[in-house]
Amino acid sequence: TPAPNGGGAGGDDNGGGGAPAPAKWSYAGETGPSFWGDLHADWALCKTGRYQSPIDIVHADTLPAPADTPITSVTLNHFQDVSASITNAFTNAGFVTFNGHAVEASGPMSFFEHRGVWHKMLQFHFHTPSEHRIDGQLSDAEVHFVHQTLTGSLLVLGFLIDQGQTTDPWAQGMFGALGTGEGEVQFPMNFTQFLQNSGVNGATGAPFYTYSGSLTTPPCSEGVTWLVFQNKITFSAADINKLRALEGANNRPVMPRNDRAITRRID
């Protein structure tokens, strides 16, 4: 998960009056994850942080949600679309691009409620293969929906992706529009369809794990609330291969759990 303002992304030399070039990072070699914390002073947490993401979520080591927890599962009631008055219930145009590190999309304008606080969705992006593991197992890919409160607190909804016969309908328009390199293109986005495909729209809600972690790319800022869902999304082999061709392997290795509690909202 990149920084909301893109500040963690490597870039070209700015060539501005002798100013230092922005640090570059990647997923391999001397600018890979093992060295992120040494590439820039602001990225020290990538090396020294104790609450980093992603992690391996071992179900047997998770804690059940307390009986009085405000969210035991996520339902459609926890989502709100502020553009519903001018669009068709979460249907909106989005823009998808390859930013040099990940396939990233913006839109639609929606909010997610967690513990009584609304978080605005900033963007979503993909990692191939997945960054989180469940009981040691990687998935073919992972999508992160990055949200932020008015005070700047971050929350990420993480959905694992497995290969199937077809791509879930909500993402088909996106892959049809996605090009072969960097550059932004528009695509149709139906968030209601995504929620239905991922089980969020059911009467009982979608089960998930939650813990406190970090961004998974520089600057690796901590204090990020993670919700990693149990229900997996399905993409076709062709679309997973398209992600791989664009992104390469862009998953940060799992980080130590240390003394963090992982809570399950799972029956």
Protein backbone atom coordinates (compact mmCIF):
# COMPACT_ATOMS: atom_id res chain seq x y z
CA THR A 1 0.00 0.00 0.00
CA PRO A 2 1.59 3.27 -1.10
CA ALA A 3 1.44 6.58 0.74
CA PRO A 4 -1.82 8.42 0.00
CA ASN A 5 -0.08 11.40 -1.60
CA GLY A 6 2.32 9.26 -3.59
CA GLY A 7 5.22 10.45 -1.47
CA GLY A 8 6.68 7.00 -1.20
CA ALA A 9 6.93 6.39 -4.92
CA GLY A 10 10.26 6.53 -6.62
CA GLY A 11 10.52 9.14 -9.34
CA ASP A 12 12.73 10.65 -11.98
CA ASP A 13 15.40 13.22 -11.19
CA ASN A 14 13.69 16.57 -10.80
CA GLY A 15 16.52 18.53 -12.36
CA GLY A 16 15.53 21.60 -10.37
CA GLY A 17 18.40 23.90 -9.50
CA GLY A 18 20.64 21.27 -7.99
CA ALA A 19 17.98 19.92 -5.62
CA PRO A 20 18.57 16.28 -4.66
CA ALA A 21 16.76 13.69 -6.74
CA PRO A 22 13.98 11.81 -4.97
CA ALA A 23 14.99 8.42 -3.65
CA LYS A 24 14.03 5.46 -5.80
CA TRP A 25 12.77 2.13 -4.51
CA SER A 26 11.81 -1.15 -6.10
CA TYR A 27 11.05 -4.74 -5.21
CA ALA A 28 14.44 -6.23 -6.07
CA GLY A 29 18.16 -5.68 -5.76
CA GLU A 30 19.83 -2.78 -3.97
CA THR A 31 16.61 -0.72 -3.90
CA GLY A 32 14.44 -3.66 -2.82
CA PRO A 33 12.52 -4.16 0.45
CA SER A 34 15.57 -5.20 2.48
CA PHE A 35 17.16 -1.80 1.79
CA TRP A 36 14.17 0.58 1.88
CA GLY A 37 15.01 1.77 5.38
CA ASP A 38 18.51 2.82 4.24
CA LEU A 39 17.48 4.69 1.08
CA HIS A 40 15.97 7.76 2.74
CA ALA A 41 15.94 9.16 6.27
CA ASP A 42 12.13 9.41 6.18
CA TRP A 43 11.87 5.70 5.43
CA ALA A 44 13.62 4.45 8.56
CA LEU A 45 10.47 2.67 9.79
CA CYS A 46 10.81 0.26 6.87
CA LYS A 47 13.83 -1.10 8.79
CA THR A 48 13.15 -0.27 12.46
CA GLY A 49 9.35 -0.36 12.75
CA ARG A 50 7.81 -3.02 14.99
CA TYR A 51 4.28 -2.82 13.56
CA GLN A 52 4.91 -3.34 9.86
CA SER A 53 2.76 -4.86 7.14
CA PRO A 54 2.12 -7.27 5.54
CA ILE A 55 2.03 -10.22 7.93
CA ASP A 56 1.26 -13.92 7.88
CA ILE A 57 -2.17 -14.26 9.53
CA VAL A 58 -2.24 -17.60 11.33
CA HIS A 59 -5.88 -18.29 12.13
CA ALA A 60 -5.11 -20.36 15.23
CA ASP A 61 -3.19 -17.42 16.73
CA THR A 62 -5.96 -14.84 16.23
CA LEU A 63 -8.35 -13.62 18.91
CA PRO A 64 -12.14 -13.69 18.64
CA ALA A 65 -13.88 -10.32 18.53
CA PRO A 66 -15.18 -9.21 21.95
CA ALA A 67 -18.91 -9.62 22.43
CA ASP A 68 -19.39 -5.84 22.52
CA THR A 69 -17.25 -5.08 19.46
CA PRO A 70 -18.85 -2.38 17.29
CA ILE A 71 -18.22 -4.32 14.07
CA THR A 72 -18.38 -8.10 14.00
CA SER A 73 -18.59 -8.25 10.21
CA VAL A 74 -18.79 -5.76 7.37
CA THR A 75 -22.11 -5.23 5.58
CA LEU A 76 -23.29 -2.76 2.97
CA ASN A 77 -24.47 -0.50 5.80
CA HIS A 78 -20.83 0.35 6.48
CA PHE A 79 -20.44 1.85 3.00
CA GLN A 80 -21.79 5.14 1.71
CA ASP A 81 -21.65 6.66 -1.76
CA VAL A 82 -21.80 10.45 -1.72
CA SER A 83 -22.30 10.60 -5.49
CA ALA A 84 -25.38 8.34 -5.46
CA SER A 85 -27.64 11.33 -6.14
CA ILE A 86 -26.07 11.90 -9.54
CA THR A 87 -25.03 8.35 -10.39
CA ASN A 88 -26.58 4.93 -10.11
CA ALA A 89 -25.86 3.64 -6.60
CA PHE A 90 -22.09 3.33 -6.46
CA THR A 91 -21.74 3.29 -10.27
CA ASN A 92 -19.09 5.78 -11.23
CA ALA A 93 -16.27 6.37 -13.65
CA GLY A 94 -12.82 5.51 -12.42
CA PHE A 95 -9.33 6.02 -13.77
CA VAL A 96 -6.76 3.25 -13.86
CA THR A 97 -3.04 3.58 -14.43
CA PHE A 98 0.24 1.75 -13.89
CA ASN A 99 2.25 4.10 -11.67
CA GLY A 100 5.57 2.34 -12.06
CA HIS A 101 5.08 0.15 -8.99
CA ALA A 102 1.46 -1.06 -9.09
CA VAL A 103 -1.75 -0.93 -11.08
CA GLU A 104 -3.68 1.80 -9.26
CA ALA A 105 -7.23 3.10 -9.70
CA SER A 106 -9.12 6.10 -8.39
CA GLY A 107 -12.89 6.32 -7.88
CA PRO A 108 -15.67 5.95 -7.14
CA MET A 109 -16.18 8.50 -4.36
CA SER A 110 -17.21 6.36 -1.41
CA PHE A 111 -16.79 6.13 2.34
CA PHE A 112 -16.37 3.25 4.79
CA GLU A 113 -17.47 3.40 8.42
CA HIS A 114 -15.27 1.79 11.06
CA ARG A 115 -15.90 2.19 14.80
CA GLY A 116 -18.23 5.09 14.17
CA VAL A 117 -15.76 7.05 12.01
CA TRP A 118 -16.17 7.56 8.26
CA HIS A 119 -13.12 7.01 6.06
CA LYS A 120 -12.97 8.33 2.49
CA MET A 121 -11.64 5.96 -0.17
CA LEU A 122 -8.59 7.52 -1.83
CA GLN A 123 -7.62 4.82 -4.32
CA PHE A 124 -7.19 1.10 -4.75
CA HIS A 125 -4.28 -0.84 -6.20
CA PHE A 126 -3.02 -4.37 -6.77
CA HIS A 127 -0.10 -6.55 -5.69
CA THR A 128 0.99 -9.74 -7.46
CA PRO A 129 1.25 -12.13 -5.74
CA SER A 130 -0.55 -11.22 -2.52
CA GLU A 131 1.25 -9.44 0.29
CA HIS A 132 -0.66 -10.97 3.20
CA ARG A 133 -0.52 -14.69 3.80
CA ILE A 134 -3.24 -16.74 5.48
CA ASP A 135 -1.80 -19.72 7.37
CA GLY A 136 1.39 -19.36 5.36
CA GLN A 137 -0.29 -19.38 1.95
CA LEU A 138 0.05 -16.63 -0.64
CA SER A 139 -2.79 -15.85 -3.04
CA ASP A 140 -2.36 -15.01 -6.71
CA ALA A 141 -2.92 -11.29 -6.06
CA GLU A 142 -4.30 -8.80 -3.55
CA VAL A 143 -6.23 -5.54 -3.88
CA HIS A 144 -5.98 -2.75 -1.29
CA PHE A 145 -8.73 -0.14 -0.90
CA VAL A 146 -7.01 2.77 0.85
CA HIS A 147 -9.17 5.02 3.05
CA GLN A 148 -8.42 8.10 5.15
CA THR A 149 -10.25 10.11 7.81
CA LEU A 150 -10.44 13.90 7.92
CA THR A 151 -7.67 13.82 10.53
CA GLY A 152 -5.39 11.72 8.33
CA SER A 153 -5.79 8.27 9.92
CA LEU A 154 -5.46 5.47 7.39
CA LEU A 155 -7.50 2.29 6.99
CA VAL A 156 -6.99 -0.33 4.29
CA LEU A 157 -9.44 -3.02 3.19
CA GLY A 158 -7.45 -5.93 1.80
CA PHE A 159 -9.04 -8.60 -0.42
CA LEU A 160 -7.08 -11.64 -1.59
CA ILE A 161 -7.49 -12.75 -5.20
CA ASP A 162 -7.38 -16.28 -6.59
CA GLN A 163 -7.39 -17.44 -10.19
CA GLY A 164 -10.75 -18.63 -11.48
CA GLN A 165 -12.61 -19.18 -14.72
CA THR A 166 -13.63 -15.52 -15.11
CA THR A 167 -12.89 -12.14 -13.57
CA ASP A 168 -15.53 -10.81 -11.19
CA PRO A 169 -17.81 -8.46 -13.18
CA TRP A 170 -16.86 -5.30 -11.27
CA ALA A 171 -13.27 -5.49 -12.56
CA GLN A 172 -13.87 -6.60 -16.14
CA GLY A 173 -14.22 -3.05 -17.45
CA MET A 174 -11.02 -2.05 -15.72
CA PHE A 175 -8.94 -4.76 -17.33
CA GLY A 176 -10.46 -4.05 -20.70
CA ALA A 177 -9.27 -0.45 -20.41
CA LEU A 178 -5.88 -1.15 -18.91
CA GLY A 179 -3.05 -0.52 -21.33
CA THR A 180 0.42 -1.96 -21.61
CA GLY A 181 2.35 0.75 -19.80
CA GLU A 182 2.10 3.92 -17.74
CA GLY A 183 -0.77 6.24 -18.55
CA GLU A 184 -4.26 6.88 -17.23
CA VAL A 185 -7.42 5.52 -18.86
CA GLN A 186 -11.06 5.68 -17.81
CA PHE A 187 -13.14 2.63 -16.93
CA PRO A 188 -16.66 1.94 -15.62
CA MET A 189 -16.75 1.10 -11.90
CA ASN A 190 -19.69 -0.46 -10.07
CA PHE A 191 -18.87 -0.65 -6.38
CA THR A 192 -22.16 -2.35 -5.48
CA GLN A 193 -21.19 -5.18 -7.81
CA PHE A 194 -17.81 -5.45 -6.12
CA LEU A 195 -19.41 -5.64 -2.68
CA GLN A 196 -21.77 -8.37 -3.87
CA ASN A 197 -18.94 -10.37 -5.43
CA SER A 198 -16.91 -10.17 -2.22
CA GLY A 199 -19.77 -11.16 0.08
CA VAL A 200 -20.04 -7.75 1.73
CA ASN A 201 -23.65 -7.32 0.63
CA GLY A 202 -24.93 -10.40 2.43
CA ALA A 203 -27.24 -10.25 5.43
CA THR A 204 -24.54 -11.59 7.75
CA GLY A 205 -21.73 -9.47 6.32
CA ALA A 206 -18.25 -10.44 5.23
CA PRO A 207 -15.82 -11.96 7.76
CA PHE A 208 -12.36 -10.48 8.18
CA TYR A 209 -9.18 -10.25 10.28
CA THR A 210 -8.05 -6.89 11.67
CA TYR A 211 -4.78 -5.61 13.14
CA SER A 212 -2.65 -2.47 13.40
CA GLY A 213 0.08 -2.26 10.80
CA SER A 214 1.73 0.01 8.26
CA LEU A 215 1.94 1.05 4.65
CA THR A 216 3.58 -1.75 2.67
CA THR A 217 5.74 0.64 0.62
CA PRO A 218 8.04 3.50 1.65
CA PRO A 219 7.76 5.42 3.94
CA CYS A 220 6.21 2.36 5.73
CA SER A 221 4.25 4.65 8.09
CA GLU A 222 2.66 2.83 11.02
CA GLY A 223 -0.72 3.28 12.70
CA VAL A 224 -2.63 1.91 9.69
CA THR A 225 -5.78 -0.08 10.51
CA TRP A 226 -5.95 -3.21 8.36
CA LEU A 227 -9.02 -5.30 7.58
CA VAL A 228 -8.06 -8.41 5.59
CA PHE A 229 -11.13 -10.27 4.35
CA GLN A 230 -11.63 -14.02 4.39
CA ASN A 231 -13.73 -14.17 1.21
CA LYS A 232 -11.56 -14.12 -1.89
CA ILE A 233 -12.11 -12.36 -5.20
CA THR A 234 -11.77 -14.22 -8.50
CA PHE A 235 -9.80 -13.05 -11.53
CA SER A 236 -9.23 -14.95 -14.75
CA ALA A 237 -5.80 -16.31 -15.60
CA ALA A 238 -5.54 -13.78 -18.44
CA ASP A 239 -6.20 -10.82 -16.13
CA ILE A 240 -3.85 -12.06 -13.40
CA ASN A 241 -1.18 -12.52 -16.08
CA LYS A 242 -1.85 -8.97 -17.29
CA LEU A 243 -1.25 -7.68 -13.78
CA ARG A 244 1.94 -9.72 -13.51
CA ALA A 245 3.19 -8.46 -16.88
CA LEU A 246 2.72 -4.85 -15.79
CA GLU A 247 3.73 -5.05 -12.14
CA GLY A 248 6.14 -7.95 -11.93
CA ALA A 249 6.45 -9.30 -8.39
CA ASN A 250 5.44 -6.26 -6.31
CA ASN A 251 4.71 -7.82 -2.92
CA ARG A 252 6.69 -6.86 0.15
CA PRO A 253 7.75 -9.94 2.16
CA VAL A 254 5.78 -10.64 5.34
CA MET A 255 7.04 -8.81 8.40
CA PRO A 256 7.33 -10.04 12.02
CA ARG A 257 4.10 -10.00 13.96
CA ASN A 258 5.91 -9.09 17.20
CA ASP A 259 3.43 -8.55 20.05
CA ARG A 260 0.47 -7.45 17.96
CA ALA A 261 -3.01 -8.84 18.50
CA ILE A 262 -4.88 -10.00 15.41
CA THR A 263 -8.64 -10.08 15.90
CA ARG A 264 -10.92 -12.25 13.82
CA ARG A 265 -14.46 -11.28 12.92
CA ILE A 266 -15.04 -14.77 11.61
CA ASP A 267 -17.46 -17.44 12.80
